[in-house]
Each structure stands twice: as structure tokens, then as C-alpha cells.
Amino acid sequence: MDLIFIFKIIVVIGIIVGLYAIIRNLDIIKIILIYFKDKLLGK
């Protein structure tokens, strides 16, 4: 039971860190998406 609780805490911390990294890199993600959209549309 204790091991499952510790595992859940690790998963929650991982999700929080992942969301923080995504929020910090939103500008880079937008640039990449615009680049791929332009490539697909042949501009």
C-alpha cells in the first residue's frame, strides 16, 4: 500500500514538471507547428 502511494506521488510530480516544461516551451511549439503547416500547404 505504501509503495503504491509513493508511486502516485512520483507520477503527480512528473505530470506537474511535464506541464511546466510544455508551458515554458509554448512559443517554440507554436513556431514548429506553423513551420509544419506551411510545409504541408506548400507555401
Protein backbone atom coordinates (compact mmCIF):
# COMPACT_ATOMS: atom_id res chain seq x y z
CA MET A 1 0.00 0.00 0.00
CA ASP A 2 2.81 2.41 0.89
CA LEU A 3 4.64 1.66 -2.37
CA ILE A 4 1.53 2.49 -4.44
CA PHE A 5 1.16 5.83 -2.60
CA ILE A 6 4.81 6.75 -3.26
CA PHE A 7 4.38 5.77 -6.93
CA LYS A 8 1.29 8.02 -7.22
CA ILE A 9 3.25 10.96 -5.74
CA ILE A 10 6.09 10.41 -8.24
CA VAL A 11 3.58 10.29 -11.14
CA VAL A 12 1.88 13.53 -10.00
CA ILE A 13 5.25 15.31 -9.68
CA GLY A 14 6.19 14.06 -13.16
CA ILE A 15 2.95 15.41 -14.63
CA ILE A 16 3.49 18.81 -12.96
CA VAL A 17 7.07 19.02 -14.27
CA GLY A 18 5.91 17.98 -17.74
CA LEU A 19 3.16 20.62 -17.83
CA TYR A 20 5.62 23.27 -16.63
CA ALA A 21 8.06 22.33 -19.42
CA ILE A 22 5.25 22.48 -22.03
CA ILE A 23 4.08 25.89 -20.79
CA ARG A 24 7.66 27.23 -20.85
CA ASN A 25 8.17 25.98 -24.44
CA LEU A 26 4.81 27.03 -25.93
CA ASP A 27 6.47 29.64 -28.19
CA ILE A 28 8.85 27.02 -29.62
CA ILE A 29 5.95 24.57 -30.14
CA LYS A 30 3.93 27.28 -31.96
CA ILE A 31 6.86 28.05 -34.27
CA ILE A 32 7.31 24.34 -35.09
CA LEU A 33 3.57 23.89 -35.78
CA ILE A 34 3.49 26.95 -38.06
CA TYR A 35 6.55 25.64 -39.91
CA PHE A 36 4.96 22.21 -40.49
CA LYS A 37 1.65 23.80 -41.53
CA ASP A 38 3.46 25.94 -44.12
CA LYS A 39 5.38 22.89 -45.37
CA LEU A 40 2.18 20.84 -45.77
CA LEU A 41 0.32 23.65 -47.58
CA GLY A 42 3.33 24.22 -49.85
CA LYS A 43 3.89 27.90 -49.11
